[in-house]
Protein backbone atom coordinates (compact mmCIF):
# COMPACT_ATOMS: atom_id res chain seq x y z
CA MET A 1 -80.57 129.21 19.60
CA SER A 2 -78.55 130.94 22.25
CA GLY A 3 -77.83 134.57 21.45
CA GLU A 4 -80.50 134.46 18.79
CA ARG A 5 -80.51 137.38 16.41
CA ALA A 6 -80.85 137.87 12.70
CA TYR A 7 -77.63 137.59 10.73
CA SER A 8 -77.51 139.34 7.39
CA ASP A 9 -74.04 138.22 6.28
CA PHE A 10 -71.73 135.27 6.74
CA ALA A 11 -69.00 137.36 8.39
CA SER A 12 -71.26 138.19 11.34
CA PHE A 13 -72.72 134.66 11.42
CA TRP A 14 -69.28 132.98 11.64
CA PRO A 15 -68.40 134.01 15.24
CA PHE A 16 -71.93 133.05 16.32
CA TYR A 17 -71.46 129.65 14.67
CA LEU A 18 -68.20 129.10 16.52
CA ARG A 19 -69.79 130.06 19.84
CA GLU A 20 -72.55 127.51 19.17
CA HIS A 21 -69.69 124.96 18.90
CA SER A 22 -67.81 126.08 22.00
CA LYS A 23 -67.12 122.65 23.48
CA PRO A 24 -64.26 120.58 22.04
CA ALA A 25 -66.46 117.44 22.03
CA THR A 26 -69.06 119.25 19.90
CA ARG A 27 -66.43 120.22 17.37
CA ALA A 28 -64.94 116.71 17.41
CA LEU A 29 -68.28 115.13 16.59
CA HIS A 30 -68.70 117.64 13.76
CA TYR A 31 -65.26 116.72 12.42
CA VAL A 32 -66.21 113.03 12.40
CA GLY A 33 -69.41 113.74 10.49
CA THR A 34 -67.82 116.14 8.02
CA THR A 35 -64.92 113.76 7.38
CA LEU A 36 -67.41 110.97 6.68
CA VAL A 37 -69.32 113.26 4.30
CA VAL A 38 -66.15 113.99 2.35
CA ALA A 39 -65.10 110.31 2.37
CA ILE A 40 -68.52 109.22 1.11
CA ALA A 41 -68.41 111.83 -1.68
CA VAL A 42 -64.92 110.71 -2.73
CA PHE A 43 -65.98 107.06 -2.63
CA ALA A 44 -69.09 107.72 -4.72
CA LEU A 45 -67.10 109.72 -7.28
CA ALA A 46 -64.30 107.15 -7.46
CA THR A 47 -66.57 104.14 -7.83
CA GLY A 48 -69.58 105.60 -9.60
CA ARG A 49 -71.81 104.18 -6.85
CA TRP A 50 -74.06 107.22 -6.72
CA GLY A 51 -76.49 105.71 -4.23
CA TRP A 52 -73.90 106.38 -1.53
CA LEU A 53 -74.54 110.11 -1.92
CA ILE A 54 -77.76 109.59 0.05
CA ALA A 55 -75.61 108.75 3.07
CA MET A 56 -73.86 112.13 3.05
CA PRO A 57 -76.47 114.18 4.92
CA LEU A 58 -77.21 111.23 7.21
CA ALA A 59 -73.56 110.96 8.25
CA GLY A 60 -73.10 114.69 8.63
CA TYR A 61 -76.28 115.48 10.52
CA PHE A 62 -76.17 112.37 12.73
CA PHE A 63 -72.93 113.40 14.40
CA ALA A 64 -73.72 117.12 14.40
CA TRP A 65 -77.11 116.68 16.03
CA ILE A 66 -75.73 114.33 18.68
CA ALA A 67 -73.19 117.05 19.41
CA HIS A 68 -75.81 119.77 19.76
CA PHE A 69 -78.48 117.86 21.64
CA ARG A 70 -76.22 115.80 23.94
CA VAL A 71 -72.99 117.79 24.33
CA GLU A 72 -73.58 121.46 23.63
CA ARG A 73 -77.27 121.34 24.56
CA ASN A 74 -78.30 123.95 22.03
CA ARG A 75 -80.38 124.11 18.87
CA PRO A 76 -78.40 123.45 15.68
CA ALA A 77 -77.84 126.64 13.69
CA THR A 78 -78.75 124.71 10.55
CA PHE A 79 -82.42 124.94 11.57
CA THR A 80 -82.34 128.71 11.01
CA TYR A 81 -79.34 129.21 8.71
CA PRO A 82 -78.97 125.99 6.68
CA LEU A 83 -76.62 127.20 3.94
CA TRP A 84 -74.42 129.35 6.17
CA SER A 85 -74.24 126.50 8.68
CA LEU A 86 -73.11 124.11 5.97
CA ALA A 87 -70.47 126.56 4.77
CA ALA A 88 -69.37 127.30 8.34
CA ASP A 89 -69.10 123.58 9.12
CA PHE A 90 -66.77 123.01 6.20
CA ARG A 91 -64.80 126.15 7.09
CA MET A 92 -64.44 125.02 10.71
CA TRP A 93 -63.41 121.53 9.56
CA TRP A 94 -60.84 122.88 7.09
CA LEU A 95 -59.37 125.32 9.61
CA TRP A 96 -59.11 122.47 12.12
CA LEU A 97 -57.43 120.18 9.55
CA THR A 98 -54.92 122.87 8.66
CA GLY A 99 -54.23 123.83 12.28
CA ARG A 100 -55.65 127.34 11.93
CA LEU A 101 -58.86 127.12 13.96
CA GLY A 102 -57.42 128.26 17.30
CA PRO A 103 -57.16 131.96 16.45
CA GLU A 104 -60.70 131.94 15.02
CA LEU A 105 -62.03 130.43 18.24
CA GLU A 106 -60.16 132.99 20.31
CA ARG A 107 -61.57 135.88 18.23
CA ALA A 108 -65.04 134.45 18.89
CA GLY A 109 -64.29 134.39 22.63
CA ILE A 110 -63.84 130.62 22.95
CA ASN A 111 -61.08 128.84 24.81
CA SER A 112 -59.65 126.58 22.08
CA ASP A 113 -58.86 123.55 24.28
């Protein structure tokens, strides 16, 4: 992980997480995966087809790991901070959906293209 250090709370981890997702293409691939995760969960709940829940981590991690290994060229934060990374992914996705991610990226020192 670039800038590797130990994080003891989510507030200090969050800017690090954003910096690990500095490229717009990385974030876009994460949004695709996270949107699929949510869609699969809604589908499974609406239809009672619980077997679809197995696809949730596959959809989420597939796009995220392509983003990290091919676009960002860094090690996914989930390898070291799995729960905070999951929470940060959903936070980043929600802020993007609601149009409020730009200021967060700027505070983390990222140009929010």
